[in-house]
Amino acid sequence: MPNVFSVTVDQIKGLAILLVVLGHINSPIGDLIFTFHVPLFFFLAGVFIKSSYSGTAYLSKGMHRLLIPFLIFAPLGLLITSIKNVILHRPLESVEQGLSGFLYWMDASHMHHYGFVLWFLPALFWGRAFVFFAAKYLKLHPAVLVVVSAALAWLTAHYVTLPFGLDKGLVALPWIMMGYVFYQYHERWLSTGWFGIVIISCLLVLIVYFGGLQRLDLATKDIGNLFFSFPYTLLVILLLFGLFSQCNFHFKPNVNRAMNVLTQFGRNSMLVMVLHVYTNNAADIVVNHYLGFGYWFVTFILSVFTVFIVIKIKQHYPESIFFKYL
């Protein structure tokens, strides 16, 4: 049975993936979501990095969980987009552009199809690998690792373009590193309870007051103002951990239905990542063309409900080949 901290991570991951879904819908809170939702996902990916693995075993595991799904579902996105363009008599992307997008660049800027949302996977593979090897072989103070990671991210965001999603992995590096470091001290932080939540909230208000909300789009390497965006996202994440931990402390996480649903979304975040671009589009068609009104929250609810049905199907047929990499 997973411990409370693991359940808390799953719940926050569930929130994060739902924010990803909402972030790809034209909603009035889109700008707020883009200030922290992708860094939150990278942070969570760094929490359970274990430097006890051998290098080859860790890379093999990462390829199986991240790169193979990318190489399966990115071309599927290209195929479905091409079929849609043929049906709607829209121009088709050249074969060369399509192949170079997901085989060479592996990023959202070069994948002009439904697979663009999967840029996250190769970036996560590289970012986690960098953190793993740094933690395993560089005997540096955690604060030094975070500062060096932030410097590499800033330099890459402004001056470096690399294939295979490598540059996006470097841009994601500080948040993955902060997640790894956070895990080493998480019990100390969570033990502060409501006092820590109040302190973090006050610091967050000060950051927003002096620096404003920093829109972050890591897919395009837009990391905002380095001196405000990094502390802002870290404070938001610490606040979420504090709030969710308090909820799990006062209410049994397996009894609270809303938390249970978040946990299910978190544990199936790969499935949601792959499917939501299609369910978002289908929900948008239903809302705007059949129901006749364009309420963004209705689109969101329909999209999430559709994905949730697939999650339930997966739970009933976990060994199905259709869910092997989801």
Protein backbone atom coordinates (compact mmCIF):
# COMPACT_ATOMS: atom_id res chain seq x y z
CA MET A 1 0.00 0.00 0.00
CA PRO A 2 1.53 3.37 -1.01
CA ASN A 3 2.50 5.73 1.80
CA VAL A 4 0.83 9.09 2.35
CA PHE A 5 3.62 11.02 0.63
CA SER A 6 3.36 8.86 -2.51
CA VAL A 7 -0.40 9.39 -2.55
CA THR A 8 0.14 13.15 -2.13
CA VAL A 9 2.49 13.15 -5.13
CA ASP A 10 -0.12 11.26 -7.18
CA GLN A 11 -2.80 13.76 -6.20
CA ILE A 12 -0.66 16.76 -7.14
CA LYS A 13 0.29 14.99 -10.38
CA GLY A 14 -3.44 14.54 -11.02
CA LEU A 15 -3.97 18.26 -10.52
CA ALA A 16 -1.01 19.00 -12.79
CA ILE A 17 -2.30 16.83 -15.66
CA LEU A 18 -5.77 18.35 -15.37
CA LEU A 19 -4.16 21.79 -15.61
CA VAL A 20 -2.37 20.59 -18.77
CA VAL A 21 -5.77 19.64 -20.22
CA LEU A 22 -7.25 23.00 -19.22
CA GLY A 23 -4.16 24.85 -20.47
CA HIS A 24 -4.89 23.57 -23.99
CA ILE A 25 -8.45 24.94 -23.87
CA ASN A 26 -9.16 28.60 -24.47
CA SER A 27 -10.07 29.54 -20.90
CA PRO A 28 -9.82 32.84 -18.97
CA ILE A 29 -7.37 31.28 -16.49
CA GLY A 30 -4.94 30.09 -19.16
CA ASP A 31 -2.37 32.77 -18.36
CA LEU A 32 -2.35 31.77 -14.69
CA ILE A 33 -2.00 28.07 -15.54
CA PHE A 34 0.99 28.79 -17.76
CA THR A 35 2.87 30.34 -14.84
CA PHE A 36 3.52 27.00 -13.14
CA HIS A 37 1.78 23.89 -14.55
CA VAL A 38 4.61 22.47 -16.70
CA PRO A 39 7.36 23.28 -14.12
CA LEU A 40 5.14 21.50 -11.57
CA PHE A 41 5.13 18.38 -13.72
CA PHE A 42 8.92 18.46 -14.13
CA PHE A 43 9.35 19.00 -10.39
CA LEU A 44 7.21 15.95 -9.62
CA ALA A 45 9.26 13.92 -12.10
CA GLY A 46 12.38 14.69 -10.07
CA VAL A 47 10.95 13.64 -6.72
CA PHE A 48 11.56 9.90 -7.03
CA ILE A 49 14.81 9.84 -8.98
CA LYS A 50 16.97 7.14 -7.37
CA SER A 51 20.71 7.43 -7.89
CA SER A 52 21.11 3.86 -6.59
CA TYR A 53 20.36 2.48 -10.07
CA SER A 54 23.20 1.76 -12.48
CA GLY A 55 23.46 4.23 -15.35
CA THR A 56 22.45 1.71 -18.02
CA ALA A 57 19.51 0.42 -15.98
CA TYR A 58 18.23 3.96 -15.38
CA LEU A 59 18.51 4.96 -19.04
CA SER A 60 16.83 1.73 -20.13
CA LYS A 61 13.94 2.33 -17.75
CA GLY A 62 13.58 5.93 -18.97
CA MET A 63 13.55 4.88 -22.61
CA HIS A 64 10.84 2.30 -21.94
CA ARG A 65 8.62 4.71 -19.99
CA LEU A 66 9.18 7.91 -21.97
CA LEU A 67 10.82 7.53 -25.38
CA ILE A 68 8.96 4.44 -26.61
CA PRO A 69 5.54 6.03 -25.91
CA PHE A 70 6.74 9.16 -27.70
CA LEU A 71 7.82 7.17 -30.76
CA ILE A 72 4.46 5.37 -30.80
CA PHE A 73 2.03 8.20 -30.19
CA ALA A 74 3.79 11.14 -31.90
CA PRO A 75 3.53 9.52 -35.38
CA LEU A 76 -0.04 8.52 -34.51
CA GLY A 77 -0.76 12.21 -33.98
CA LEU A 78 0.80 12.98 -37.36
CA LEU A 79 -1.32 10.28 -39.04
CA ILE A 80 -4.59 11.42 -37.48
CA THR A 81 -3.86 15.06 -38.32
CA SER A 82 -3.09 14.10 -41.93
CA ILE A 83 -6.35 12.16 -42.24
CA LYS A 84 -8.25 15.12 -40.80
CA ASN A 85 -6.56 17.52 -43.26
CA VAL A 86 -7.43 15.26 -46.20
CA ILE A 87 -11.08 15.09 -45.14
CA LEU A 88 -11.26 18.87 -44.65
CA HIS A 89 -9.27 19.56 -47.86
CA ARG A 90 -6.47 21.31 -45.97
CA PRO A 91 -2.82 21.35 -47.10
CA LEU A 92 -0.70 18.44 -45.92
CA GLU A 93 2.66 18.71 -44.19
CA SER A 94 5.51 17.25 -46.27
CA VAL A 95 6.77 13.79 -45.32
CA GLU A 96 10.23 15.26 -44.66
CA GLN A 97 8.88 17.86 -42.26
CA GLY A 98 6.67 15.36 -40.50
CA LEU A 99 9.46 12.82 -39.98
CA SER A 100 12.06 15.38 -38.92
CA GLY A 101 9.59 16.80 -36.39
CA PHE A 102 9.26 13.67 -34.26
CA LEU A 103 12.42 11.77 -35.20
CA TYR A 104 14.99 14.58 -35.10
CA TRP A 105 13.70 17.70 -33.33
CA MET A 106 11.20 15.99 -31.01
CA ASP A 107 9.67 19.29 -29.90
CA ALA A 108 6.41 21.20 -30.18
CA SER A 109 7.86 23.80 -32.56
CA HIS A 110 8.47 21.20 -35.27
CA MET A 111 5.50 18.88 -34.74
CA HIS A 112 2.57 20.56 -36.47
CA HIS A 113 0.06 17.90 -35.51
CA TYR A 114 -1.70 16.35 -32.51
CA GLY A 115 1.55 14.82 -31.34
CA PHE A 116 2.95 18.23 -30.40
CA VAL A 117 1.82 17.81 -26.77
CA LEU A 118 4.27 14.91 -26.40
CA TRP A 119 7.36 17.17 -26.61
CA PHE A 120 7.31 16.79 -22.84
CA LEU A 121 8.44 13.15 -22.96
CA PRO A 122 11.91 13.41 -24.59
CA ALA A 123 12.54 16.60 -22.61
CA LEU A 124 11.69 14.71 -19.42
CA PHE A 125 13.89 11.78 -20.44
CA TRP A 126 16.95 14.01 -20.91
CA GLY A 127 16.25 16.19 -17.88
CA ARG A 128 15.86 13.20 -15.55
CA ALA A 129 18.98 11.59 -17.00
CA PHE A 130 21.03 14.76 -16.39
CA VAL A 131 19.80 14.98 -12.79
CA PHE A 132 20.41 11.27 -12.21
CA PHE A 133 24.04 11.39 -13.35
CA ALA A 134 24.69 14.69 -11.56
CA ALA A 135 23.31 13.27 -8.31
CA LYS A 136 25.19 10.00 -8.73
CA TYR A 137 28.62 11.26 -9.74
CA LEU A 138 28.89 14.95 -8.80
CA LYS A 139 29.36 15.19 -5.06
CA LEU A 140 28.14 18.77 -4.83
CA HIS A 141 25.94 20.54 -2.31
CA PRO A 142 22.26 20.42 -3.38
CA ALA A 143 22.10 24.23 -3.51
CA VAL A 144 25.04 24.26 -5.93
CA LEU A 145 23.32 21.68 -8.14
CA VAL A 146 20.17 23.82 -8.28
CA VAL A 147 22.08 27.03 -9.09
CA VAL A 148 24.13 25.32 -11.82
CA SER A 149 20.95 23.80 -13.25
CA ALA A 150 19.26 27.22 -13.32
CA ALA A 151 22.27 28.75 -15.09
CA LEU A 152 22.27 25.97 -17.70
CA ALA A 153 18.53 26.42 -18.24
CA TRP A 154 18.89 30.17 -18.75
CA LEU A 155 21.83 29.81 -21.17
CA THR A 156 20.01 27.10 -23.15
CA ALA A 157 16.77 29.10 -23.29
CA HIS A 158 18.56 32.11 -24.78
CA TYR A 159 21.46 30.76 -26.83
CA VAL A 160 21.21 27.03 -27.54
CA THR A 161 19.12 24.97 -29.97
CA LEU A 162 19.63 21.20 -29.93
CA PRO A 163 17.87 18.24 -31.61
CA PHE A 164 16.13 15.26 -29.98
CA GLY A 165 14.53 17.52 -27.35
CA LEU A 166 17.90 17.97 -25.62
CA ASP A 167 17.54 21.72 -25.25
CA LYS A 168 14.08 21.38 -23.69
CA GLY A 169 15.56 18.84 -21.27
CA LEU A 170 18.19 21.36 -20.22
CA VAL A 171 15.55 24.07 -19.79
CA ALA A 172 13.55 21.70 -17.56
CA LEU A 173 16.65 20.79 -15.55
CA PRO A 174 16.29 23.19 -12.56
CA TRP A 175 12.72 22.09 -11.77
CA ILE A 176 13.61 18.41 -12.00
CA MET A 177 16.66 19.07 -9.82
CA MET A 178 14.56 20.98 -7.28
CA GLY A 179 12.17 18.03 -7.15
CA TYR A 180 15.07 15.67 -6.48
CA VAL A 181 16.47 17.91 -3.74
CA PHE A 182 13.01 18.47 -2.24
CA TYR A 183 12.58 14.75 -1.66
CA GLN A 184 15.71 14.70 0.51
CA TYR A 185 14.12 17.27 2.86
CA HIS A 186 10.37 16.76 2.32
CA GLU A 187 9.66 15.40 5.81
CA ARG A 188 11.22 18.46 7.40
CA TRP A 189 9.20 20.82 5.19
CA LEU A 190 5.89 19.01 5.61
CA SER A 191 6.34 18.89 9.39
CA THR A 192 5.98 22.70 9.51
CA GLY A 193 2.24 22.25 8.82
CA TRP A 194 0.07 25.35 8.61
CA PHE A 195 2.86 27.61 9.84
CA GLY A 196 4.94 26.74 6.78
CA ILE A 197 1.91 27.23 4.51
CA VAL A 198 1.34 30.73 5.89
CA ILE A 199 5.02 31.69 5.46
CA ILE A 200 5.10 30.34 1.89
CA SER A 201 1.85 32.18 1.06
CA CYS A 202 3.29 35.48 2.30
CA LEU A 203 6.48 35.01 0.29
CA LEU A 204 4.42 34.16 -2.77
CA VAL A 205 2.39 37.35 -2.42
CA LEU A 206 5.63 39.36 -2.26
CA ILE A 207 7.05 37.65 -5.35
CA VAL A 208 3.87 38.34 -7.34
CA TYR A 209 3.69 41.92 -6.07
CA PHE A 210 7.23 42.80 -7.14
CA GLY A 211 7.66 40.51 -10.15
CA GLY A 212 4.13 39.94 -11.42
CA LEU A 213 2.98 36.66 -12.88
CA GLN A 214 5.67 35.15 -15.10
CA ARG A 215 4.22 33.27 -18.07
CA LEU A 216 6.36 30.17 -18.63
CA ASP A 217 6.19 28.19 -21.86
CA LEU A 218 8.95 25.62 -21.59
CA ALA A 219 7.93 24.11 -24.94
CA THR A 220 9.25 27.30 -26.58
CA LYS A 221 11.98 27.85 -23.94
CA ASP A 222 10.26 30.90 -22.48
CA ILE A 223 11.25 30.84 -18.80
CA GLY A 224 10.35 34.43 -17.95
CA ASN A 225 12.48 36.50 -15.59
CA LEU A 226 14.95 34.10 -13.97
CA PHE A 227 14.93 35.90 -10.60
CA PHE A 228 11.15 35.79 -10.26
CA SER A 229 9.98 32.73 -12.23
CA PHE A 230 12.13 30.17 -10.40
CA PRO A 231 11.25 31.25 -6.83
CA TYR A 232 7.60 31.78 -7.85
CA THR A 233 7.15 28.27 -9.24
CA LEU A 234 9.01 26.72 -6.30
CA LEU A 235 6.79 28.55 -3.81
CA VAL A 236 3.62 27.50 -5.64
CA ILE A 237 4.78 23.88 -5.60
CA LEU A 238 5.71 23.97 -1.91
CA LEU A 239 2.32 25.52 -1.16
CA LEU A 240 0.56 22.71 -3.04
CA PHE A 241 2.53 20.06 -1.16
CA GLY A 242 1.69 21.72 2.13
CA LEU A 243 -2.04 21.99 1.37
CA PHE A 244 -2.41 18.47 -0.02
CA SER A 245 -0.43 17.01 2.87
CA GLN A 246 -2.67 18.75 5.38
CA CYS A 247 -5.76 17.42 3.60
CA ASN A 248 -4.35 13.89 3.70
CA PHE A 249 -3.43 14.33 7.35
CA HIS A 250 -6.96 15.33 8.36
CA PHE A 251 -8.89 13.17 5.87
CA LYS A 252 -8.06 9.64 4.79
CA PRO A 253 -6.99 9.98 1.14
CA ASN A 254 -8.63 6.70 0.13
CA VAL A 255 -11.99 7.84 1.55
CA ASN A 256 -12.19 11.38 0.12
CA ARG A 257 -13.81 10.88 -3.30
CA ALA A 258 -12.43 14.06 -4.90
CA MET A 259 -8.88 13.23 -3.78
CA ASN A 260 -9.36 9.68 -4.99
CA VAL A 261 -10.25 10.93 -8.46
CA LEU A 262 -7.17 13.16 -8.51
CA THR A 263 -5.06 10.15 -7.52
CA GLN A 264 -6.45 8.16 -10.43
CA PHE A 265 -5.66 10.95 -12.88
CA GLY A 266 -2.17 11.25 -11.43
CA ARG A 267 -1.43 7.56 -11.75
CA ASN A 268 -2.68 7.63 -15.34
CA SER A 269 -1.02 10.89 -16.37
CA MET A 270 0.60 9.32 -19.45
CA LEU A 271 -2.79 8.20 -20.73
CA VAL A 272 -4.26 11.66 -20.11
CA MET A 273 -1.28 13.33 -21.79
CA VAL A 274 -1.70 11.26 -24.93
CA LEU A 275 -5.51 11.38 -25.16
CA HIS A 276 -6.47 14.86 -24.04
CA VAL A 277 -5.59 16.63 -27.28
CA TYR A 278 -8.17 14.43 -29.05
CA THR A 279 -10.82 14.63 -26.33
CA ASN A 280 -10.34 18.41 -26.16
CA ASN A 281 -10.99 18.70 -29.89
CA ALA A 282 -13.99 16.38 -29.77
CA ALA A 283 -15.44 18.24 -26.78
CA ASP A 284 -14.91 21.58 -28.53
CA ILE A 285 -16.82 20.34 -31.60
CA VAL A 286 -19.70 19.12 -29.43
CA VAL A 287 -19.88 22.36 -27.42
CA ASN A 288 -19.49 24.87 -30.25
CA HIS A 289 -21.15 23.10 -33.19
CA TYR A 290 -23.82 20.88 -31.65
CA LEU A 291 -24.77 22.44 -28.33
CA GLY A 292 -24.44 25.91 -29.80
CA PHE A 293 -22.62 27.64 -26.95
CA GLY A 294 -18.90 28.00 -26.35
CA TYR A 295 -18.49 27.73 -22.61
CA TRP A 296 -14.89 26.69 -21.96
CA PHE A 297 -15.70 24.88 -18.73
CA VAL A 298 -18.21 22.65 -20.53
CA THR A 299 -15.51 21.72 -23.03
CA PHE A 300 -13.15 20.95 -20.15
CA ILE A 301 -15.71 18.82 -18.29
CA LEU A 302 -16.59 16.81 -21.41
CA SER A 303 -12.94 16.24 -22.26
CA VAL A 304 -12.01 15.16 -18.72
CA PHE A 305 -15.11 12.95 -18.43
CA THR A 306 -14.19 11.17 -21.67
CA VAL A 307 -10.63 10.55 -20.47
CA PHE A 308 -11.93 9.34 -17.12
CA ILE A 309 -14.05 6.71 -18.89
CA VAL A 310 -10.89 5.45 -20.63
CA ILE A 311 -9.09 5.36 -17.27
CA LYS A 312 -11.87 3.16 -15.89
CA ILE A 313 -11.61 0.87 -18.93
CA LYS A 314 -7.86 0.62 -18.36
CA GLN A 315 -8.44 -0.34 -14.72
CA HIS A 316 -10.69 -3.19 -15.85
CA TYR A 317 -8.29 -4.37 -18.56
CA PRO A 318 -4.81 -3.45 -17.24
CA GLU A 319 -3.09 -6.18 -19.28
CA SER A 320 -4.57 -5.03 -22.58
CA ILE A 321 -2.03 -4.31 -25.33
CA PHE A 322 -3.78 -0.98 -25.91
CA PHE A 323 -2.63 0.27 -22.50
CA LYS A 324 0.88 -1.23 -22.46
CA TYR A 325 2.63 2.15 -22.75
CA LEU A 326 -0.10 4.21 -21.13
